[in-house]
Amino acid sequence: MSKRRRYWLMKSEPDAFSIDDLERVGTEPWNGVRNYQARNFMRDGMKIGDKVLFYHSNTKVPGIVGTATVASGAYPDETQFDRKSDYYDPKASREEPRWHLVDIAFERKLSRTIRLEEIKQQAERLGEEFALIRRGNRLSVFPVSADQYSFLLSLE
């Protein structure tokens, strides 16, 4: 069985949960994802030790701001069961949870933000399939290749 490491980009709005928040708490459940494809990436694709590019979205200067690692296997997102949560899902049950998450552990903050604008300028190098710059993509969690991960960090 292969122990090959995988690489991911995970988006968060900094006023909801920022890289500074992750640094402060150390490890955090990545809850509230309500897109089936993003959930499937976490539930079926992520393994402990996988590397994560932490991306601030929906902010004045969107971009990659840090790195993290996957710190747990997937497990049910508790917010789906909490009627008071913005992420409550009345169709979810403990017997058949609909939403899963993984824990993410802080690794480091980048010395500067790798801005979305810069990333778009590298479209040819990253490839057309790179989800962050693909038109219409709204995924908050998606895989990146080892080459894309290394190249993006080289822009720091």
N, C-alpha and C. Protein backbone atom coordinates (compact mmCIF):
# COMPACT_ATOMS: atom_id res chain seq x y z
N MET A 1 0.84 -1.20 0.00
CA MET A 1 0.00 0.00 0.00
C MET A 1 0.88 1.25 0.00
N SER A 2 0.57 2.18 -0.87
CA SER A 2 1.38 3.39 -1.04
C SER A 2 1.08 4.41 0.04
N LYS A 3 2.12 5.07 0.51
CA LYS A 3 2.01 6.12 1.52
C LYS A 3 2.25 7.48 0.88
N ARG A 4 1.95 7.60 -0.41
CA ARG A 4 2.23 8.81 -1.16
C ARG A 4 1.49 10.00 -0.57
N ARG A 5 2.23 11.05 -0.33
CA ARG A 5 1.65 12.29 0.20
C ARG A 5 0.88 13.00 -0.90
N ARG A 6 -0.22 13.63 -0.52
CA ARG A 6 -1.01 14.44 -1.45
C ARG A 6 -0.97 15.89 -1.00
N TYR A 7 -1.39 16.76 -1.90
CA TYR A 7 -1.33 18.20 -1.67
C TYR A 7 -2.69 18.81 -1.98
N TRP A 8 -3.03 19.85 -1.21
CA TRP A 8 -4.36 20.44 -1.29
C TRP A 8 -4.28 21.96 -1.17
N LEU A 9 -5.30 22.62 -1.66
CA LEU A 9 -5.51 24.04 -1.37
C LEU A 9 -6.85 24.13 -0.66
N MET A 10 -6.86 24.85 0.47
CA MET A 10 -8.09 25.02 1.25
C MET A 10 -8.31 26.51 1.46
N LYS A 11 -9.52 26.95 1.11
CA LYS A 11 -9.86 28.38 1.21
C LYS A 11 -10.64 28.64 2.50
N SER A 12 -10.36 29.80 3.08
CA SER A 12 -11.12 30.27 4.23
C SER A 12 -11.23 31.78 4.14
N GLU A 13 -12.37 32.30 4.54
CA GLU A 13 -12.51 33.75 4.62
C GLU A 13 -11.85 34.18 5.92
N PRO A 14 -10.90 35.12 5.85
CA PRO A 14 -10.12 35.46 7.04
C PRO A 14 -10.95 36.03 8.19
N ASP A 15 -12.11 36.65 7.90
CA ASP A 15 -12.91 37.12 9.03
C ASP A 15 -13.69 35.99 9.69
N ALA A 16 -13.78 34.84 9.03
CA ALA A 16 -14.40 33.66 9.64
C ALA A 16 -13.34 32.80 10.34
N PHE A 17 -12.23 32.52 9.64
CA PHE A 17 -11.13 31.74 10.21
C PHE A 17 -9.88 32.01 9.38
N SER A 18 -8.89 32.64 10.00
CA SER A 18 -7.69 33.07 9.27
C SER A 18 -6.48 32.19 9.61
N ILE A 19 -5.41 32.41 8.89
CA ILE A 19 -4.15 31.72 9.20
C ILE A 19 -3.68 32.10 10.61
N ASP A 20 -3.95 33.33 11.03
CA ASP A 20 -3.60 33.74 12.40
C ASP A 20 -4.40 32.94 13.43
N ASP A 21 -5.67 32.69 13.13
CA ASP A 21 -6.49 31.87 14.02
C ASP A 21 -5.92 30.45 14.11
N LEU A 22 -5.54 29.89 12.96
CA LEU A 22 -4.97 28.53 12.96
C LEU A 22 -3.66 28.51 13.73
N GLU A 23 -2.84 29.53 13.57
CA GLU A 23 -1.58 29.59 14.32
C GLU A 23 -1.86 29.62 15.82
N ARG A 24 -2.86 30.39 16.21
CA ARG A 24 -3.20 30.53 17.64
C ARG A 24 -3.70 29.21 18.24
N VAL A 25 -4.58 28.49 17.52
CA VAL A 25 -5.16 27.26 18.08
C VAL A 25 -4.32 26.02 17.78
N GLY A 26 -3.49 26.09 16.76
CA GLY A 26 -2.62 24.95 16.43
C GLY A 26 -3.26 23.95 15.49
N THR A 27 -4.39 23.39 15.90
CA THR A 27 -5.12 22.41 15.09
C THR A 27 -6.60 22.72 15.18
N GLU A 28 -7.30 22.59 14.05
CA GLU A 28 -8.71 22.98 14.01
C GLU A 28 -9.48 22.06 13.06
N PRO A 29 -10.71 21.66 13.44
CA PRO A 29 -11.56 20.94 12.50
C PRO A 29 -11.97 21.88 11.36
N TRP A 30 -11.87 21.41 10.12
CA TRP A 30 -12.21 22.24 8.95
C TRP A 30 -13.71 22.07 8.68
N ASN A 31 -14.53 22.68 9.52
CA ASN A 31 -15.98 22.44 9.45
C ASN A 31 -16.68 23.41 8.52
N GLY A 32 -17.94 23.10 8.26
CA GLY A 32 -18.79 23.99 7.49
C GLY A 32 -18.74 23.83 5.98
N VAL A 33 -17.96 22.88 5.48
CA VAL A 33 -17.93 22.66 4.02
C VAL A 33 -19.26 22.02 3.61
N ARG A 34 -19.96 22.68 2.69
CA ARG A 34 -21.26 22.18 2.24
C ARG A 34 -21.31 22.06 0.72
N ASN A 35 -20.25 21.54 0.17
CA ASN A 35 -20.17 21.23 -1.25
C ASN A 35 -19.74 19.77 -1.32
N TYR A 36 -20.50 18.96 -2.07
CA TYR A 36 -20.24 17.52 -2.08
C TYR A 36 -18.86 17.17 -2.62
N GLN A 37 -18.41 17.87 -3.66
CA GLN A 37 -17.10 17.54 -4.22
C GLN A 37 -15.99 17.87 -3.21
N ALA A 38 -16.08 19.03 -2.56
CA ALA A 38 -15.09 19.40 -1.55
C ALA A 38 -15.14 18.41 -0.38
N ARG A 39 -16.35 18.03 0.03
CA ARG A 39 -16.49 17.03 1.10
C ARG A 39 -15.83 15.71 0.71
N ASN A 40 -16.05 15.29 -0.53
CA ASN A 40 -15.47 14.03 -0.99
C ASN A 40 -13.95 14.08 -0.98
N PHE A 41 -13.38 15.24 -1.33
CA PHE A 41 -11.92 15.37 -1.27
C PHE A 41 -11.45 15.15 0.17
N MET A 42 -12.14 15.75 1.13
CA MET A 42 -11.73 15.60 2.53
C MET A 42 -11.99 14.17 3.02
N ARG A 43 -13.17 13.65 2.73
CA ARG A 43 -13.57 12.34 3.23
C ARG A 43 -12.79 11.20 2.60
N ASP A 44 -12.60 11.28 1.27
CA ASP A 44 -12.04 10.14 0.55
C ASP A 44 -10.59 10.31 0.12
N GLY A 45 -10.14 11.56 0.04
CA GLY A 45 -8.81 11.80 -0.51
C GLY A 45 -7.74 12.16 0.49
N MET A 46 -8.11 12.91 1.52
CA MET A 46 -7.10 13.42 2.45
C MET A 46 -6.64 12.36 3.43
N LYS A 47 -5.34 12.40 3.69
CA LYS A 47 -4.72 11.48 4.66
C LYS A 47 -3.86 12.29 5.61
N ILE A 48 -3.67 11.79 6.80
CA ILE A 48 -2.81 12.45 7.79
C ILE A 48 -1.43 12.68 7.17
N GLY A 49 -0.93 13.89 7.32
CA GLY A 49 0.39 14.24 6.79
C GLY A 49 0.35 14.92 5.44
N ASP A 50 -0.80 14.90 4.76
CA ASP A 50 -0.91 15.62 3.49
C ASP A 50 -0.64 17.11 3.74
N LYS A 51 -0.10 17.78 2.74
CA LYS A 51 0.25 19.20 2.84
C LYS A 51 -0.87 20.07 2.29
N VAL A 52 -1.05 21.23 2.92
CA VAL A 52 -2.15 22.13 2.58
C VAL A 52 -1.62 23.55 2.35
N LEU A 53 -2.06 24.16 1.25
CA LEU A 53 -1.87 25.59 1.03
C LEU A 53 -3.09 26.28 1.62
N PHE A 54 -2.89 27.19 2.56
CA PHE A 54 -3.98 27.90 3.23
C PHE A 54 -4.22 29.20 2.47
N TYR A 55 -5.44 29.37 1.97
CA TYR A 55 -5.78 30.46 1.07
C TYR A 55 -6.85 31.34 1.70
N HIS A 56 -6.62 32.65 1.74
CA HIS A 56 -7.63 33.60 2.20
C HIS A 56 -8.47 34.03 1.01
N SER A 57 -9.78 33.80 1.08
CA SER A 57 -10.69 34.18 0.00
C SER A 57 -11.63 35.27 0.48
N ASN A 58 -12.34 35.86 -0.47
CA ASN A 58 -13.35 36.87 -0.17
C ASN A 58 -12.79 37.97 0.74
N THR A 59 -11.63 38.47 0.34
CA THR A 59 -10.95 39.52 1.08
C THR A 59 -10.32 40.48 0.07
N LYS A 60 -9.86 41.62 0.54
CA LYS A 60 -9.31 42.64 -0.37
C LYS A 60 -8.17 42.09 -1.22
N VAL A 61 -7.26 41.32 -0.58
CA VAL A 61 -6.14 40.72 -1.32
C VAL A 61 -6.20 39.21 -1.13
N PRO A 62 -6.99 38.50 -1.97
CA PRO A 62 -7.04 37.05 -1.83
C PRO A 62 -5.72 36.41 -2.23
N GLY A 63 -5.38 35.31 -1.55
CA GLY A 63 -4.16 34.62 -1.93
C GLY A 63 -3.75 33.58 -0.89
N ILE A 64 -2.64 32.91 -1.20
CA ILE A 64 -2.08 31.89 -0.32
C ILE A 64 -1.30 32.60 0.78
N VAL A 65 -1.63 32.29 2.04
CA VAL A 65 -1.04 33.01 3.17
C VAL A 65 -0.23 32.11 4.11
N GLY A 66 -0.35 30.78 3.92
CA GLY A 66 0.37 29.89 4.81
C GLY A 66 0.27 28.45 4.38
N THR A 67 0.87 27.58 5.20
CA THR A 67 0.80 26.14 4.95
C THR A 67 0.34 25.43 6.22
N ALA A 68 -0.24 24.28 6.02
CA ALA A 68 -0.75 23.46 7.11
C ALA A 68 -0.60 22.00 6.71
N THR A 69 -0.93 21.11 7.62
CA THR A 69 -0.95 19.69 7.30
C THR A 69 -2.28 19.10 7.75
N VAL A 70 -2.69 18.04 7.08
CA VAL A 70 -3.87 17.29 7.49
C VAL A 70 -3.49 16.52 8.75
N ALA A 71 -4.26 16.72 9.82
CA ALA A 71 -3.90 16.16 11.13
C ALA A 71 -4.82 15.05 11.61
N SER A 72 -5.83 14.69 10.82
CA SER A 72 -6.72 13.59 11.21
C SER A 72 -7.30 12.97 9.96
N GLY A 73 -7.83 11.78 10.15
CA GLY A 73 -8.65 11.21 9.09
C GLY A 73 -10.00 11.91 9.11
N ALA A 74 -10.82 11.63 8.11
CA ALA A 74 -12.14 12.27 8.02
C ALA A 74 -13.08 11.71 9.09
N TYR A 75 -13.93 12.59 9.60
CA TYR A 75 -14.98 12.20 10.55
C TYR A 75 -16.15 13.15 10.38
N PRO A 76 -17.34 12.78 10.89
CA PRO A 76 -18.52 13.62 10.67
C PRO A 76 -18.35 15.02 11.26
N ASP A 77 -18.81 16.01 10.50
CA ASP A 77 -18.81 17.41 10.91
C ASP A 77 -19.98 17.60 11.88
N GLU A 78 -19.68 17.89 13.13
CA GLU A 78 -20.70 18.03 14.16
C GLU A 78 -21.67 19.17 13.89
N THR A 79 -21.25 20.19 13.14
CA THR A 79 -22.13 21.34 12.91
C THR A 79 -23.39 20.95 12.13
N GLN A 80 -23.36 19.84 11.39
CA GLN A 80 -24.53 19.42 10.63
C GLN A 80 -25.68 19.00 11.54
N PHE A 81 -25.37 18.64 12.80
CA PHE A 81 -26.39 18.17 13.74
C PHE A 81 -26.88 19.27 14.69
N ASP A 82 -26.22 20.42 14.66
CA ASP A 82 -26.50 21.51 15.61
C ASP A 82 -27.50 22.50 15.01
N ARG A 83 -28.72 22.48 15.54
CA ARG A 83 -29.79 23.34 15.01
C ARG A 83 -29.43 24.83 15.07
N LYS A 84 -28.53 25.21 15.96
CA LYS A 84 -28.16 26.62 16.11
C LYS A 84 -27.04 27.02 15.15
N SER A 85 -26.43 26.05 14.48
CA SER A 85 -25.30 26.32 13.60
C SER A 85 -25.78 26.79 12.22
N ASP A 86 -25.00 27.69 11.62
CA ASP A 86 -25.26 28.09 10.23
C ASP A 86 -25.12 26.90 9.30
N TYR A 87 -24.43 25.86 9.74
CA TYR A 87 -24.14 24.70 8.90
C TYR A 87 -25.06 23.51 9.20
N TYR A 88 -26.11 23.74 9.98
CA TYR A 88 -27.07 22.69 10.31
C TYR A 88 -27.67 22.11 9.02
N ASP A 89 -27.81 20.79 8.97
CA ASP A 89 -28.42 20.13 7.82
C ASP A 89 -29.52 19.20 8.33
N PRO A 90 -30.78 19.56 8.15
CA PRO A 90 -31.88 18.75 8.68
C PRO A 90 -31.95 17.35 8.07
N LYS A 91 -31.29 17.14 6.92
CA LYS A 91 -31.32 15.82 6.29
C LYS A 91 -30.21 14.90 6.80
N ALA A 92 -29.31 15.44 7.62
CA ALA A 92 -28.21 14.63 8.16
C ALA A 92 -28.66 13.95 9.45
N SER A 93 -28.14 12.75 9.68
CA SER A 93 -28.40 12.06 10.95
C SER A 93 -27.08 11.45 11.42
N ARG A 94 -27.02 11.15 12.69
CA ARG A 94 -25.80 10.53 13.22
C ARG A 94 -25.56 9.17 12.57
N GLU A 95 -26.63 8.46 12.23
CA GLU A 95 -26.50 7.15 11.56
C GLU A 95 -26.02 7.32 10.13
N GLU A 96 -26.44 8.41 9.49
CA GLU A 96 -26.05 8.68 8.11
C GLU A 96 -25.64 10.14 7.95
N PRO A 97 -24.45 10.48 8.47
CA PRO A 97 -23.99 11.86 8.32
C PRO A 97 -23.74 12.18 6.85
N ARG A 98 -24.04 13.42 6.48
CA ARG A 98 -23.83 13.84 5.10
C ARG A 98 -22.50 14.56 4.91
N TRP A 99 -22.01 15.17 5.98
CA TRP A 99 -20.85 16.06 5.88
C TRP A 99 -19.72 15.58 6.75
N HIS A 100 -18.52 15.55 6.18
CA HIS A 100 -17.32 15.10 6.90
C HIS A 100 -16.27 16.20 6.84
N LEU A 101 -15.31 16.10 7.74
CA LEU A 101 -14.23 17.08 7.79
C LEU A 101 -12.96 16.38 8.22
N VAL A 102 -11.86 17.12 8.15
CA VAL A 102 -10.58 16.68 8.70
C VAL A 102 -10.07 17.80 9.59
N ASP A 103 -9.16 17.46 10.48
CA ASP A 103 -8.48 18.47 11.28
C ASP A 103 -7.26 18.96 10.50
N ILE A 104 -6.99 20.25 10.59
CA ILE A 104 -5.86 20.88 9.92
C ILE A 104 -4.94 21.46 10.99
N ALA A 105 -3.64 21.20 10.85
CA ALA A 105 -2.64 21.70 11.81
C ALA A 105 -1.79 22.78 11.16
N PHE A 106 -1.56 23.86 11.91
CA PHE A 106 -0.74 24.97 11.44
C PHE A 106 0.68 24.50 11.17
N GLU A 107 1.25 24.98 10.07
CA GLU A 107 2.65 24.72 9.77
C GLU A 107 3.42 26.04 9.81
N ARG A 108 3.07 26.97 8.91
CA ARG A 108 3.74 28.27 8.93
C ARG A 108 2.95 29.30 8.16
N LYS A 109 3.21 30.57 8.50
CA LYS A 109 2.70 31.68 7.71
C LYS A 109 3.76 32.01 6.67
N LEU A 110 3.32 32.37 5.47
CA LEU A 110 4.27 32.77 4.45
C LEU A 110 4.81 34.16 4.79
N SER A 111 5.98 34.47 4.26
CA SER A 111 6.58 35.78 4.51
C SER A 111 5.78 36.89 3.82
N ARG A 112 5.02 36.50 2.80
CA ARG A 112 4.11 37.45 2.12
C ARG A 112 3.01 36.64 1.46
N THR A 113 1.89 37.31 1.19
CA THR A 113 0.78 36.65 0.50
C THR A 113 1.13 36.44 -0.97
N ILE A 114 0.89 35.23 -1.44
CA ILE A 114 1.00 34.95 -2.87
C ILE A 114 -0.38 35.27 -3.44
N ARG A 115 -0.49 36.44 -4.03
CA ARG A 115 -1.78 37.00 -4.44
C ARG A 115 -2.40 36.23 -5.62
N LEU A 116 -3.71 36.16 -5.61
CA LEU A 116 -4.45 35.51 -6.69
C LEU A 116 -4.04 36.10 -8.04
N GLU A 117 -3.85 37.40 -8.07
CA GLU A 117 -3.42 38.08 -9.30
C GLU A 117 -2.11 37.47 -9.83
N GLU A 118 -1.15 37.23 -8.95
CA GLU A 118 0.12 36.60 -9.35
C GLU A 118 -0.10 35.18 -9.83
N ILE A 119 -0.96 34.46 -9.12
CA ILE A 119 -1.23 33.06 -9.45
C ILE A 119 -1.84 32.98 -10.85
N LYS A 120 -2.76 33.88 -11.15
CA LYS A 120 -3.38 33.90 -12.49
C LYS A 120 -2.35 34.15 -13.58
N GLN A 121 -1.33 34.95 -13.27
CA GLN A 121 -0.28 35.23 -14.25
C GLN A 121 0.55 33.98 -14.55
N GLN A 122 0.45 32.98 -13.70
CA GLN A 122 1.21 31.73 -13.88
C GLN A 122 0.34 30.60 -14.46
N ALA A 123 -0.79 30.97 -15.04
CA ALA A 123 -1.74 29.96 -15.54
C ALA A 123 -1.08 28.95 -16.45
N GLU A 124 -0.22 29.42 -17.35
CA GLU A 124 0.43 28.51 -18.29
C GLU A 124 1.29 27.49 -17.55
N ARG A 125 2.01 27.95 -16.55
CA ARG A 125 2.90 27.08 -15.76
C ARG A 125 2.10 26.10 -14.88
N LEU A 126 0.95 26.56 -14.36
CA LEU A 126 0.14 25.74 -13.45
C LEU A 126 -0.75 24.75 -14.20
N GLY A 127 -1.09 25.08 -15.43
CA GLY A 127 -1.94 24.20 -16.22
C GLY A 127 -3.39 24.65 -16.18
N GLU A 128 -4.07 24.40 -17.27
CA GLU A 128 -5.47 24.80 -17.42
C GLU A 128 -6.37 24.18 -16.35
N GLU A 129 -6.01 23.00 -15.90
CA GLU A 129 -6.88 22.28 -14.96
C GLU A 129 -6.74 22.79 -13.52
N PHE A 130 -5.85 23.75 -13.28
CA PHE A 130 -5.66 24.24 -11.91
C PHE A 130 -6.94 24.93 -11.43
N ALA A 131 -7.61 24.31 -10.47
CA ALA A 131 -8.97 24.70 -10.07
C ALA A 131 -9.09 26.14 -9.60
N LEU A 132 -8.08 26.67 -8.94
CA LEU A 132 -8.19 28.03 -8.39
C LEU A 132 -8.44 29.07 -9.47
N ILE A 133 -7.87 28.87 -10.65
CA ILE A 133 -7.99 29.88 -11.71
C ILE A 133 -8.93 29.45 -12.83
N ARG A 134 -9.55 28.28 -12.66
CA ARG A 134 -10.52 27.83 -13.67
C ARG A 134 -11.81 28.65 -13.53
N ARG A 135 -12.31 29.14 -14.61
CA ARG A 135 -13.52 29.96 -14.61
C ARG A 135 -14.69 29.21 -13.96
N GLY A 136 -15.41 29.91 -13.08
CA GLY A 136 -16.60 29.32 -12.46
C GLY A 136 -16.32 28.39 -11.29
N ASN A 137 -15.06 28.17 -10.95
CA ASN A 137 -14.76 27.28 -9.83
C ASN A 137 -15.05 27.98 -8.51
N ARG A 138 -15.82 27.32 -7.65
CA ARG A 138 -16.13 27.87 -6.34
C ARG A 138 -15.70 26.91 -5.22
N LEU A 139 -14.98 25.87 -5.57
CA LEU A 139 -14.59 24.88 -4.56
C LEU A 139 -13.69 25.51 -3.49
N SER A 140 -13.93 25.13 -2.25
CA SER A 140 -13.12 25.64 -1.14
C SER A 140 -12.01 24.66 -0.77
N VAL A 141 -12.07 23.45 -1.29
CA VAL A 141 -11.07 22.41 -1.02
C VAL A 141 -10.83 21.68 -2.33
N PHE A 142 -9.56 21.60 -2.76
CA PHE A 142 -9.29 20.84 -3.97
C PHE A 142 -7.82 20.41 -4.01
N PRO A 143 -7.55 19.33 -4.76
CA PRO A 143 -6.17 18.85 -4.84
C PRO A 143 -5.31 19.73 -5.72
N VAL A 144 -4.03 19.77 -5.40
CA VAL A 144 -3.01 20.37 -6.26
C VAL A 144 -1.93 19.31 -6.42
N SER A 145 -1.21 19.37 -7.51
CA SER A 145 -0.14 18.39 -7.71
C SER A 145 1.08 18.78 -6.86
N ALA A 146 2.00 17.86 -6.69
CA ALA A 146 3.23 18.15 -5.95
C ALA A 146 3.99 19.27 -6.66
N ASP A 147 4.01 19.25 -7.99
CA ASP A 147 4.70 20.30 -8.75
C ASP A 147 4.03 21.66 -8.56
N GLN A 148 2.70 21.69 -8.61
CA GLN A 148 1.98 22.94 -8.41
C GLN A 148 2.24 23.48 -7.00
N TYR A 149 2.20 22.60 -6.00
CA TYR A 149 2.45 22.99 -4.61
C TYR A 149 3.83 23.64 -4.47
N SER A 150 4.85 22.97 -4.99
CA SER A 150 6.22 23.48 -4.91
C SER A 150 6.37 24.79 -5.68
N PHE A 151 5.79 24.83 -6.87
CA PHE A 151 5.91 26.03 -7.68
C PHE A 151 5.23 27.22 -7.00
N LEU A 152 4.02 27.02 -6.48
CA LEU A 152 3.31 28.12 -5.81
C LEU A 152 4.13 28.64 -4.62
N LEU A 153 4.70 27.74 -3.84
CA LEU A 153 5.50 28.18 -2.70
C LEU A 153 6.79 28.88 -3.15
N SER A 154 7.28 28.54 -4.34
CA SER A 154 8.49 29.20 -4.85
C SER A 154 8.22 30.67 -5.17
N LEU A 155 6.96 31.04 -5.34
CA LEU A 155 6.61 32.44 -5.63
C LEU A 155 6.74 33.33 -4.38
N GLU A 156 6.83 32.71 -3.23
CA GLU A 156 6.96 33.47 -1.98
C GLU A 156 8.22 34.32 -2.02
